[in-house]
C-alpha atoms as a PDB file:
ATOM      1  CA  MET A   1     -18.210-196.755  -4.672  1.00  0.00           C
ATOM      2  CA  ASN A   2     -18.791-194.035  -7.271  1.00  0.00           C
ATOM      3  CA  LEU A   3     -21.160-191.131  -6.601  1.00  0.00           C
ATOM      4  CA  ASP A   4     -23.190-191.912  -9.735  1.00  0.00           C
ATOM      5  CA  GLU A   5     -24.198-195.251  -8.207  1.00  0.00           C
ATOM      6  CA  LEU A   6     -26.249-193.302  -5.642  1.00  0.00           C
ATOM      7  CA  ASP A   7     -28.400-191.553  -8.239  1.00  0.00           C
ATOM      8  CA  TYR A   8     -32.002-192.340  -9.062  1.00  0.00           C
ATOM      9  CA  ASP A   9     -34.957-190.587 -10.718  1.00  0.00           C
ATOM     10  CA  LEU A  10     -37.721-189.312  -8.456  1.00  0.00           C
ATOM     11  CA  PRO A  11     -40.815-187.408  -9.614  1.00  0.00           C
ATOM     12  CA  PRO A  12     -40.973-184.252  -7.460  1.00  0.00           C
ATOM     13  CA  GLU A  13     -44.592-184.887  -6.499  1.00  0.00           C
ATOM     14  CA  LEU A  14     -43.451-187.966  -4.506  1.00  0.00           C
ATOM     15  CA  VAL A  15     -41.473-185.807  -2.049  1.00  0.00           C
ATOM     16  CA  ALA A  16     -43.796-185.775   0.979  1.00  0.00           C
ATOM     17  CA  GLN A  17     -44.618-182.241   2.102  1.00  0.00           C
ATOM     18  CA  ARG A  18     -46.552-183.195   5.221  1.00  0.00           C
ATOM     19  CA  PRO A  19     -46.744-186.199   7.552  1.00  0.00           C
ATOM     20  CA  ALA A  20     -49.488-188.803   7.244  1.00  0.00           C
ATOM     21  CA  ALA A  21     -52.661-187.964   9.179  1.00  0.00           C
ATOM     22  CA  ARG A  22     -51.779-190.761  11.600  1.00  0.00           C
ATOM     23  CA  ARG A  23     -48.134-191.668  12.133  1.00  0.00           C
ATOM     24  CA  ASP A  24     -48.503-195.430  11.679  1.00  0.00           C
ATOM     25  CA  ALA A  25     -50.758-195.043   8.612  1.00  0.00           C
ATOM     26  CA  SER A  26     -47.644-194.594   6.466  1.00  0.00           C
ATOM     27  CA  ARG A  27     -47.006-197.342   3.950  1.00  0.00           C
ATOM     28  CA  LEU A  28     -44.348-199.973   4.628  1.00  0.00           C
ATOM     29  CA  LEU A  29     -42.443-201.756   1.870  1.00  0.00           C
ATOM     30  CA  VAL A  30     -41.150-205.049   3.308  1.00  0.00           C
ATOM     31  CA  TYR A  31     -38.144-206.713   1.661  1.00  0.00           C
ATOM     32  CA  GLU A  32     -36.737-210.096   2.695  1.00  0.00           C
ATOM     33  CA  ARG A  33     -33.082-210.348   1.708  1.00  0.00           C
ATOM     34  CA  ALA A  34     -32.920-214.139   1.903  1.00  0.00           C
ATOM     35  CA  SER A  35     -35.828-214.824  -0.445  1.00  0.00           C
ATOM     36  CA  GLY A  36     -36.129-211.567  -2.378  1.00  0.00           C
ATOM     37  CA  GLU A  37     -39.822-211.411  -1.456  1.00  0.00           C
ATOM     38  CA  VAL A  38     -41.482-207.986  -1.351  1.00  0.00           C
ATOM     39  CA  ARG A  39     -44.700-207.130   0.526  1.00  0.00           C
ATOM     40  CA  HIS A  40     -46.688-203.893   0.683  1.00  0.00           C
ATOM     41  CA  ARG A  41     -48.109-203.176   4.131  1.00  0.00           C
ATOM     42  CA  THR A  42     -48.776-200.244   6.455  1.00  0.00           C
ATOM     43  CA  PHE A  43     -46.502-199.236   9.307  1.00  0.00           C
ATOM     44  CA  ALA A  44     -49.096-200.346  11.855  1.00  0.00           C
ATOM     45  CA  ASP A  45     -48.416-203.915  10.630  1.00  0.00           C
ATOM     46  CA  LEU A  46     -44.774-203.765  11.769  1.00  0.00           C
ATOM     47  CA  PRO A  47     -45.189-206.014  14.867  1.00  0.00           C
ATOM     48  CA  ASP A  48     -46.587-208.769  12.643  1.00  0.00           C
ATOM     49  CA  GLU A  49     -43.296-208.848  10.725  1.00  0.00           C
ATOM     50  CA  LEU A  50     -40.931-209.028  13.707  1.00  0.00           C
ATOM     51  CA  ASP A  51     -39.486-211.215  16.441  1.00  0.00           C
ATOM     52  CA  HIS A  52     -36.631-208.768  17.031  1.00  0.00           C
ATOM     53  CA  LEU A  53     -35.453-206.470  19.789  1.00  0.00           C
ATOM     54  CA  VAL A  54     -36.316-203.042  18.351  1.00  0.00           C
ATOM     55  CA  VAL A  55     -33.690-200.341  18.955  1.00  0.00           C
ATOM     56  CA  VAL A  56     -34.652-196.679  18.552  1.00  0.00           C
ATOM     57  CA  ASN A  57     -32.774-193.390  18.693  1.00  0.00           C
ATOM     58  CA  ASP A  58     -34.409-191.222  21.382  1.00  0.00           C
ATOM     59  CA  THR A  59     -32.738-187.937  20.444  1.00  0.00           C
ATOM     60  CA  ARG A  60     -34.939-184.842  20.391  1.00  0.00           C
ATOM     61  CA  VAL A  61     -34.687-182.044  17.819  1.00  0.00           C
ATOM     62  CA  VAL A  62     -33.874-178.627  19.263  1.00  0.00           C
ATOM     63  CA  PRO A  63     -35.727-175.505  17.975  1.00  0.00           C
ATOM     64  CA  ALA A  64     -32.556-174.742  16.106  1.00  0.00           C
ATOM     65  CA  ARG A  65     -33.450-172.163  13.425  1.00  0.00           C
ATOM     66  CA  ILE A  66     -33.070-168.670  14.909  1.00  0.00           C
ATOM     67  CA  ARG A  67     -34.079-165.676  12.755  1.00  0.00           C
ATOM     68  CA  VAL A  68     -32.574-162.380  13.921  1.00  0.00           C
ATOM     69  CA  ALA A  69     -31.600-158.907  12.692  1.00  0.00           C
ATOM     70  CA  ARG A  70     -27.983-157.749  12.360  1.00  0.00           C
ATOM     71  CA  ALA A  71     -26.945-154.728  14.416  1.00  0.00           C
ATOM     72  CA  GLY A  72     -26.346-152.690  11.251  1.00  0.00           C
ATOM     73  CA  GLY A  73     -29.644-153.734   9.723  1.00  0.00           C
ATOM     74  CA  GLY A  74     -30.645-156.612   7.528  1.00  0.00           C
ATOM     75  CA  ALA A  75     -31.777-160.131   8.290  1.00  0.00           C
ATOM     76  CA  ALA A  76     -29.586-162.942   9.578  1.00  0.00           C
ATOM     77  CA  GLU A  77     -30.188-166.559  10.459  1.00  0.00           C
ATOM     78  CA  VAL A  78     -28.442-168.985  12.804  1.00  0.00           C
ATOM     79  CA  LEU A  79     -28.963-172.731  12.602  1.00  0.00           C
ATOM     80  CA  LEU A  80     -27.745-174.632  15.669  1.00  0.00           C
ATOM     81  CA  VAL A  81     -25.912-177.845  14.755  1.00  0.00           C
ATOM     82  CA  GLU A  82     -24.434-179.233  17.975  1.00  0.00           C
ATOM     83  CA  ARG A  83     -24.160-178.255  21.640  1.00  0.00           C
ATOM     84  CA  LEU A  84     -20.458-178.166  22.561  1.00  0.00           C
ATOM     85  CA  ASP A  85     -20.706-177.762  26.339  1.00  0.00           C
ATOM     86  CA  GLY A  86     -23.128-177.057  29.162  1.00  0.00           C
ATOM     87  CA  ASN A  87     -22.408-173.313  29.201  1.00  0.00           C
ATOM     88  CA  GLY A  88     -24.394-172.310  26.152  1.00  0.00           C
ATOM     89  CA  VAL A  89     -21.623-172.878  23.579  1.00  0.00           C
ATOM     90  CA  TRP A  90     -22.764-174.398  20.281  1.00  0.00           C
ATOM     91  CA  GLU A  91     -21.556-175.060  16.787  1.00  0.00           C
ATOM     92  CA  GLY A  92     -23.892-173.547  14.226  1.00  0.00           C
ATOM     93  CA  LEU A  93     -24.330-172.199  10.738  1.00  0.00           C
ATOM     94  CA  ALA A  94     -24.770-168.444  10.374  1.00  0.00           C
ATOM     95  CA  ARG A  95     -25.652-166.387   7.325  1.00  0.00           C
ATOM     96  CA  PRO A  96     -24.879-164.156   5.576  1.00  0.00           C
ATOM     97  CA  SER A  97     -21.559-165.576   6.775  1.00  0.00           C
ATOM     98  CA  ARG A  98     -19.322-163.258   4.718  1.00  0.00           C
ATOM     99  CA  ARG A  99     -20.728-160.216   6.520  1.00  0.00           C
ATOM    100  CA  LEU A 100     -20.327-161.632  10.012  1.00  0.00           C
ATOM    101  CA  ARG A 101     -17.365-161.247  12.370  1.00  0.00           C
ATOM    102  CA  SER A 102     -16.244-162.733  15.671  1.00  0.00           C
ATOM    103  CA  GLY A 103     -17.889-160.825  18.519  1.00  0.00           C
ATOM    104  CA  ASP A 104     -21.014-159.945  16.524  1.00  0.00           C
ATOM    105  CA  ARG A 105     -24.278-160.161  18.461  1.00  0.00           C
ATOM    106  CA  LEU A 106     -27.321-161.565  16.686  1.00  0.00           C
ATOM    107  CA  GLY A 107     -30.149-161.308  19.193  1.00  0.00           C
ATOM    108  CA  PRO A 108     -29.432-163.976  21.840  1.00  0.00           C
ATOM    109  CA  VAL A 109     -26.430-165.283  19.850  1.00  0.00           C
ATOM    110  CA  GLU A 110     -22.796-164.176  20.206  1.00  0.00           C
ATOM    111  CA  LEU A 111     -20.458-165.313  17.427  1.00  0.00           C
ATOM    112  CA  LEU A 112     -17.201-166.549  18.967  1.00  0.00           C
ATOM    113  CA  GLU A 113     -15.057-168.075  16.222  1.00  0.00           C
ATOM    114  CA  PRO A 114     -15.472-168.945  12.517  1.00  0.00           C
ATOM    115  CA  LEU A 115     -14.930-172.622  11.749  1.00  0.00           C
ATOM    116  CA  GLY A 116     -15.103-172.418   7.949  1.00  0.00           C
ATOM    117  CA  GLU A 117     -17.833-173.236   5.408  1.00  0.00           C
ATOM    118  CA  GLY A 118     -20.317-170.962   7.187  1.00  0.00           C
ATOM    119  CA  ARG A 119     -19.875-172.746  10.532  1.00  0.00           C
ATOM    120  CA  TRP A 120     -19.307-170.845  13.776  1.00  0.00           C
ATOM    121  CA  ARG A 121     -18.603-171.538  17.392  1.00  0.00           C
ATOM    122  CA  LEU A 122     -21.187-169.408  19.178  1.00  0.00           C
ATOM    123  CA  ARG A 123     -22.763-168.771  22.552  1.00  0.00           C
ATOM    124  CA  LEU A 124     -26.463-168.636  23.416  1.00  0.00           C
ATOM    125  CA  GLU A 125     -27.622-166.479  26.318  1.00  0.00           C
ATOM    126  CA  GLU A 126     -30.727-168.594  26.909  1.00  0.00           C
ATOM    127  CA  LYS A 127     -32.567-171.691  25.791  1.00  0.00           C
ATOM    128  CA  PRO A 128     -32.804-171.726  21.975  1.00  0.00           C
ATOM    129  CA  PRO A 129     -35.744-169.477  21.011  1.00  0.00           C
ATOM    130  CA  GLY A 130     -35.925-170.743  17.459  1.00  0.00           C
ATOM    131  CA  GLU A 131     -38.123-172.714  15.072  1.00  0.00           C
ATOM    132  CA  THR A 132     -38.089-176.381  14.106  1.00  0.00           C
ATOM    133  CA  PRO A 133     -35.463-176.719  11.325  1.00  0.00           C
ATOM    134  CA  LEU A 134     -37.317-178.584   8.558  1.00  0.00           C
ATOM    135  CA  PRO A 135     -35.279-179.900   5.602  1.00  0.00           C
ATOM    136  CA  PRO A 136     -35.135-177.560   2.560  1.00  0.00           C
ATOM    137  CA  TYR A 137     -37.160-179.912   0.342  1.00  0.00           C
ATOM    138  CA  ILE A 138     -40.210-179.436   2.619  1.00  0.00           C
ATOM    139  CA  LYS A 139     -41.844-176.245   1.367  1.00  0.00           C
ATOM    140  CA  GLU A 140     -45.039-176.298   3.439  1.00  0.00           C
ATOM    141  CA  PRO A 141     -45.112-174.957   7.020  1.00  0.00           C
ATOM    142  CA  LEU A 142     -45.575-177.607   9.698  1.00  0.00           C
ATOM    143  CA  ALA A 143     -48.811-177.100  11.641  1.00  0.00           C
ATOM    144  CA  ASP A 144     -47.637-179.133  14.656  1.00  0.00           C
ATOM    145  CA  PRO A 145     -43.871-179.059  15.434  1.00  0.00           C
ATOM    146  CA  GLU A 146     -44.252-182.288  17.440  1.00  0.00           C
ATOM    147  CA  ARG A 147     -44.795-184.159  14.168  1.00  0.00           C
ATOM    148  CA  TYR A 148     -41.060-183.613  13.502  1.00  0.00           C
ATOM    149  CA  GLN A 149     -40.286-185.376  16.796  1.00  0.00           C
ATOM    150  CA  THR A 150     -40.564-189.083  17.537  1.00  0.00           C
ATOM    151  CA  VAL A 151     -43.065-190.030  20.258  1.00  0.00           C
ATOM    152  CA  TYR A 152     -40.179-191.428  22.330  1.00  0.00           C
ATOM    153  CA  ALA A 153     -37.835-188.423  21.932  1.00  0.00           C
ATOM    154  CA  ARG A 154     -36.321-187.300  25.241  1.00  0.00           C
ATOM    155  CA  GLU A 155     -32.622-186.344  24.905  1.00  0.00           C
ATOM    156  CA  GLU A 156     -32.527-182.879  23.299  1.00  0.00           C
ATOM    157  CA  GLY A 157     -29.599-182.220  20.995  1.00  0.00           C
ATOM    158  CA  SER A 158     -30.338-182.911  17.304  1.00  0.00           C
ATOM    159  CA  ALA A 159     -30.408-180.547  14.341  1.00  0.00           C
ATOM    160  CA  ALA A 160     -32.656-182.971  12.416  1.00  0.00           C
ATOM    161  CA  ALA A 161     -35.042-185.782  13.302  1.00  0.00           C
ATOM    162  CA  PRO A 162     -34.190-189.488  13.011  1.00  0.00           C
ATOM    163  CA  THR A 163     -37.032-189.747  10.538  1.00  0.00           C
ATOM    164  CA  ALA A 164     -37.557-193.534  10.466  1.00  0.00           C
ATOM    165  CA  GLY A 165     -38.907-193.166  13.991  1.00  0.00           C
ATOM    166  CA  LEU A 166     -41.589-190.650  13.027  1.00  0.00           C
ATOM    167  CA  HIS A 167     -43.956-193.505  12.074  1.00  0.00           C
ATOM    168  CA  PHE A 168     -44.286-194.880  15.608  1.00  0.00           C
ATOM    169  CA  THR A 169     -47.269-194.193  17.860  1.00  0.00           C
ATOM    170  CA  PRO A 170     -47.261-194.847  21.624  1.00  0.00           C
ATOM    171  CA  GLU A 171     -49.597-197.785  21.013  1.00  0.00           C
ATOM    172  CA  LEU A 172     -47.276-199.299  18.414  1.00  0.00           C
ATOM    173  CA  VAL A 173     -44.252-198.895  20.701  1.00  0.00           C
ATOM    174  CA  GLY A 174     -46.237-200.717  23.395  1.00  0.00           C
ATOM    175  CA  ARG A 175     -46.620-203.761  21.123  1.00  0.00           C
ATOM    176  CA  LEU A 176     -42.849-204.108  20.612  1.00  0.00           C
ATOM    177  CA  ASP A 177     -39.810-205.009  22.699  1.00  0.00           C
ATOM    178  CA  VAL A 178     -37.960-201.675  22.537  1.00  0.00           C
ATOM    179  CA  GLU A 179     -34.519-200.524  23.682  1.00  0.00           C
ATOM    180  CA  ARG A 180     -33.084-197.013  23.388  1.00  0.00           C
ATOM    181  CA  VAL A 181     -29.834-195.452  22.262  1.00  0.00           C
ATOM    182  CA  THR A 182     -29.051-191.780  21.660  1.00  0.00           C
ATOM    183  CA  LEU A 183     -27.283-190.197  18.709  1.00  0.00           C
ATOM    184  CA  HIS A 184     -27.640-186.453  18.198  1.00  0.00           C
ATOM    185  CA  VAL A 185     -28.127-185.974  14.474  1.00  0.00           C
ATOM    186  CA  GLY A 186     -25.997-183.358  12.720  1.00  0.00           C
ATOM    187  CA  LEU A 187     -26.679-181.789   9.344  1.00  0.00           C
ATOM    188  CA  ASP A 188     -23.828-183.617   7.620  1.00  0.00           C
ATOM    189  CA  THR A 189     -25.747-186.878   7.878  1.00  0.00           C
ATOM    190  CA  PHE A 190     -28.281-185.483   5.400  1.00  0.00           C
ATOM    191  CA  ARG A 191     -25.992-183.360   3.231  1.00  0.00           C
ATOM    192  CA  PRO A 192     -25.511-184.620  -0.349  1.00  0.00           C
ATOM    193  CA  LEU A 193     -22.077-186.015  -1.097  1.00  0.00           C
ATOM    194  CA  ALA A 194     -19.682-183.717  -2.947  1.00  0.00           C
ATOM    195  CA  VAL A 195     -16.911-186.178  -3.912  1.00  0.00           C
ATOM    196  CA  ARG A 196     -16.867-188.617  -6.823  1.00  0.00           C
ATOM    197  CA  ASP A 197     -15.323-191.459  -4.825  1.00  0.00           C
ATOM    198  CA  LEU A 198     -17.060-192.241  -1.535  1.00  0.00           C
ATOM    199  CA  SER A 199     -13.781-193.343   0.026  1.00  0.00           C
ATOM    200  CA  GLU A 200     -12.737-189.664  -0.017  1.00  0.00           C
ATOM    201  CA  HIS A 201     -15.713-188.510   2.048  1.00  0.00           C
ATOM    202  CA  ALA A 202     -15.423-187.983   5.810  1.00  0.00           C
ATOM    203  CA  LEU A 203     -18.436-187.586   8.087  1.00  0.00           C
ATOM    204  CA  HIS A 204     -18.301-185.003  10.847  1.00  0.00           C
ATOM    205  CA  GLY A 205     -18.525-186.820  14.162  1.00  0.00           C
ATOM    206  CA  GLU A 206     -21.843-187.042  15.987  1.00  0.00           C
ATOM    207  CA  ARG A 207     -22.313-187.531  19.733  1.00  0.00           C
ATOM    208  CA  TYR A 208     -23.881-190.712  21.027  1.00  0.00           C
ATOM    209  CA  ALA A 209     -24.574-192.340  24.390  1.00  0.00           C
ATOM    210  CA  VAL A 210     -25.915-195.757  25.374  1.00  0.00           C
ATOM    211  CA  GLU A 211     -26.706-197.027  28.868  1.00  0.00           C
ATOM    212  CA  ARG A 212     -24.718-200.090  29.881  1.00  0.00           C
ATOM    213  CA  ARG A 213     -27.868-202.053  30.669  1.00  0.00           C
ATOM    214  CA  ALA A 214     -29.299-201.233  27.241  1.00  0.00           C
ATOM    215  CA  TRP A 215     -26.132-202.288  25.423  1.00  0.00           C
ATOM    216  CA  GLU A 216     -25.982-205.567  27.339  1.00  0.00           C
ATOM    217  CA  ARG A 217     -29.545-206.364  26.229  1.00  0.00           C
ATOM    218  CA  ILE A 218     -28.780-205.376  22.639  1.00  0.00           C
ATOM    219  CA  ARG A 219     -25.537-207.325  22.509  1.00  0.00           C
ATOM    220  CA  ALA A 220     -27.233-210.466  23.882  1.00  0.00           C
ATOM    221  CA  ALA A 221     -30.353-210.292  21.697  1.00  0.00           C
ATOM    222  CA  GLU A 222     -30.886-213.038  19.157  1.00  0.00           C
ATOM    223  CA  ARG A 223     -32.075-210.580  16.507  1.00  0.00           C
ATOM    224  CA  VAL A 224     -31.893-206.768  16.470  1.00  0.00           C
ATOM    225  CA  LEU A 225     -33.923-204.354  14.360  1.00  0.00           C
ATOM    226  CA  ALA A 226     -32.389-200.880  14.026  1.00  0.00           C
ATOM    227  CA  VAL A 227     -34.891-198.072  13.533  1.00  0.00           C
ATOM    228  CA  GLY A 228     -33.114-195.699  11.186  1.00  0.00           C
ATOM    229  CA  THR A 229     -29.610-195.198   9.884  1.00  0.00           C
ATOM    230  CA  THR A 230     -28.537-193.227  12.970  1.00  0.00           C
ATOM    231  CA  THR A 231     -29.327-196.233  15.167  1.00  0.00           C
ATOM    232  CA  VAL A 232     -27.320-198.454  12.826  1.00  0.00           C
ATOM    233  CA  ARG A 233     -24.288-196.211  13.217  1.00  0.00           C
ATOM    234  CA  VAL A 234     -24.479-196.313  17.023  1.00  0.00           C
ATOM    235  CA  LEU A 235     -24.876-200.103  17.198  1.00  0.00           C
ATOM    236  CA  GLU A 236     -22.158-200.850  14.672  1.00  0.00           C
ATOM    237  CA  THR A 237     -19.813-198.388  16.393  1.00  0.00           C
ATOM    238  CA  LEU A 238     -20.301-200.180  19.719  1.00  0.00           C
ATOM    239  CA  ALA A 239     -20.021-203.598  18.064  1.00  0.00           C
ATOM    240  CA  ARG A 240     -16.477-202.582  17.103  1.00  0.00           C
ATOM    241  CA  GLY A 241     -15.492-202.037  20.749  1.00  0.00           C
ATOM    242  CA  ALA A 242     -16.139-198.303  21.141  1.00  0.00           C
ATOM    243  CA  ALA A 243     -16.993-196.731  24.492  1.00  0.00           C
ATOM    244  CA  LEU A 244     -20.630-196.410  25.555  1.00  0.00           C
ATOM    245  CA  GLU A 245     -20.446-192.633  25.135  1.00  0.00           C
ATOM    246  CA  GLY A 246     -18.479-190.598  22.640  1.00  0.00           C
ATOM    247  CA  ARG A 247     -18.457-189.520  19.017  1.00  0.00           C
ATOM    248  CA  THR A 248     -18.788-191.644  15.922  1.00  0.00           C
ATOM    249  CA  GLU A 249     -17.530-190.919  12.420  1.00  0.00           C
ATOM    250  CA  LEU A 250     -18.578-194.343  11.118  1.00  0.00           C
ATOM    251  CA  PHE A 251     -19.397-194.121   7.390  1.00  0.00           C
ATOM    252  CA  VAL A 252     -21.202-197.259   6.207  1.00  0.00           C
ATOM    253  CA  THR A 253     -20.825-198.074   2.505  1.00  0.00           C
ATOM    254  CA  PRO A 254     -21.252-201.254   0.430  1.00  0.00           C
ATOM    255  CA  GLY A 255     -18.861-203.961   1.579  1.00  0.00           C
ATOM    256  CA  PHE A 256     -19.372-203.057   5.253  1.00  0.00           C
ATOM    257  CA  GLU A 257     -19.571-205.994   7.696  1.00  0.00           C
ATOM    258  CA  PHE A 258     -22.644-205.651   9.934  1.00  0.00           C
ATOM    259  CA  ARG A 259     -21.913-207.158  13.348  1.00  0.00           C
ATOM    260  CA  ARG A 260     -25.060-206.315  15.348  1.00  0.00           C
ATOM    261  CA  VAL A 261     -27.865-205.110  13.070  1.00  0.00           C
ATOM    262  CA  ASP A 262     -30.031-207.906  11.644  1.00  0.00           C
ATOM    263  CA  ALA A 263     -32.925-205.866  10.221  1.00  0.00           C
ATOM    264  CA  LEU A 264     -33.518-202.229   9.345  1.00  0.00           C
ATOM    265  CA  VAL A 265     -36.464-199.824   9.231  1.00  0.00           C
ATOM    266  CA  THR A 266     -35.656-196.764   7.155  1.00  0.00           C
ATOM    267  CA  ASN A 267     -37.299-194.043   5.087  1.00  0.00           C
ATOM    268  CA  PHE A 268     -36.598-193.491   1.382  1.00  0.00           C
ATOM    269  CA  HIS A 269     -33.538-191.234   1.176  1.00  0.00           C
ATOM    270  CA  LEU A 270     -32.133-188.513  -1.048  1.00  0.00           C
ATOM    271  CA  PRO A 271     -29.940-189.522  -3.984  1.00  0.00           C
ATOM    272  CA  ARG A 272     -26.198-189.021  -3.537  1.00  0.00           C
ATOM    273  CA  SER A 273     -26.496-189.203   0.254  1.00  0.00           C
ATOM    274  CA  THR A 274     -24.601-191.119   2.930  1.00  0.00           C
ATOM    275  CA  LEU A 275     -27.944-192.515   4.097  1.00  0.00           C
ATOM    276  CA  LEU A 276     -28.637-194.168   0.758  1.00  0.00           C
ATOM    277  CA  ALA A 277     -25.099-195.627   0.776  1.00  0.00           C
ATOM    278  CA  LEU A 278     -25.837-197.226   4.162  1.00  0.00           C
ATOM    279  CA  VAL A 279     -29.086-198.761   2.911  1.00  0.00           C
ATOM    280  CA  MET A 280     -27.248-200.143  -0.128  1.00  0.00           C
ATOM    281  CA  ALA A 281     -24.624-201.631   2.180  1.00  0.00           C
ATOM    282  CA  PHE A 282     -27.355-203.440   4.124  1.00  0.00           C
ATOM    283  CA  ALA A 283     -29.783-204.459   1.370  1.00  0.00           C
ATOM    284  CA  GLY A 284     -27.402-204.676  -1.612  1.00  0.00           C
ATOM    285  CA  VAL A 285     -26.638-202.078  -4.277  1.00  0.00           C
ATOM    286  CA  GLU A 286     -28.699-203.486  -7.151  1.00  0.00           C
ATOM    287  CA  GLU A 287     -31.390-204.670  -4.756  1.00  0.00           C
ATOM    288  CA  THR A 288     -31.791-201.169  -3.339  1.00  0.00           C
ATOM    289  CA  ARG A 289     -31.976-199.639  -6.809  1.00  0.00           C
ATOM    290  CA  GLU A 290     -34.734-202.084  -7.733  1.00  0.00           C
ATOM    291  CA  LEU A 291     -36.612-201.422  -4.472  1.00  0.00           C
ATOM    292  CA  TYR A 292     -36.461-197.667  -5.103  1.00  0.00           C
ATOM    293  CA  ARG A 293     -37.707-198.130  -8.683  1.00  0.00           C
ATOM    294  CA  LEU A 294     -40.561-200.228  -7.292  1.00  0.00           C
ATOM    295  CA  ALA A 295     -41.353-197.611  -4.635  1.00  0.00           C
ATOM    296  CA  VAL A 296     -41.541-194.915  -7.324  1.00  0.00           C
ATOM    297  CA  SER A 297     -43.801-197.027  -9.544  1.00  0.00           C
ATOM    298  CA  GLU A 298     -46.048-197.817  -6.555  1.00  0.00           C
ATOM    299  CA  ARG A 299     -46.203-194.114  -5.643  1.00  0.00           C
ATOM    300  CA  TYR A 300     -44.622-194.385  -2.210  1.00  0.00           C
ATOM    301  CA  ARG A 301     -43.900-191.032  -0.531  1.00  0.00           C
ATOM    302  CA  PHE A 302     -40.210-190.125  -0.102  1.00  0.00           C
ATOM    303  CA  TYR A 303     -37.910-188.399   2.398  1.00  0.00           C
ATOM    304  CA  SER A 304     -38.552-187.177   5.937  1.00  0.00           C
ATOM    305  CA  PHE A 305     -42.379-187.239   5.993  1.00  0.00           C
ATOM    306  CA  GLY A 306     -42.628-190.082   3.516  1.00  0.00           C
ATOM    307  CA  ASP A 307     -43.236-193.821   3.812  1.00  0.00           C
ATOM    308  CA  ALA A 308     -40.898-196.478   5.157  1.00  0.00           C
ATOM    309  CA  MET A 309     -39.095-199.665   4.170  1.00  0.00           C
ATOM    310  CA  LEU A 310     -38.390-202.717   6.333  1.00  0.00           C
ATOM    311  CA  VAL A 311     -35.369-204.780   5.272  1.00  0.00           C
ATOM    312  CA  LEU A 312     -35.290-208.236   6.886  1.00  0.00           C
END
């Protein structure tokens, strides 16, 4: 697949800057692959569309953006990406990276080893004292940091939220048959692609874990709905015989054979992103382009705090 196939035009005013007043008041574009039918609903209507086992990613975003001062003066910033062990060692991004050296102390952060491209292995002295790391296209401050967490988040470890899950309320979860998996989301999932040919792109691995009982239910279910692209990657990794805990580098592009996911809830994603490639693999390339054109014309809200799409 060529990078240009992941482009589309989006008026900037459709990039959602804040979440809906109520989580499940977001709009829901429903697309049936078999018939081509499209329906416009709200997210609260989701149970009326389903007879699936609903699988969610219960990762929790860490307060990963740490603003500090360098010892010699001047501002610095550390963005935690992934916890590497239980002793306070993380991988993170630090800037201004060119002025930083191994052994530097930035408040509660000690830089241990440069990993290239602004990444560092680092050690935290205490629980992360930072801020919620909102995506760069969200310019407004977030009044309530919990709105960038799902209501079922419990396993702390992500640098970004699995945003398809932000639409759920506790009441809505209670109306569905729900199972959990965990994948800790790294920044590379959301980073725009930088290669012309998608076959040349490699995802950095992300940690996942699934309880045996949960996987047995998921594997035996007649129909499975994956909430978000991160959940898809966990389920399709396990469907290929992987261990119940580990790392996945699965990169889903058009032509991919889906072995466990039968339906997908997802937000509207950035152009030239791995997330959009996954949606195209599931819904069809031309079909996804047409759905995105329709969403723009119908003034759906895009990206992390935007509206959602259900692909059946």
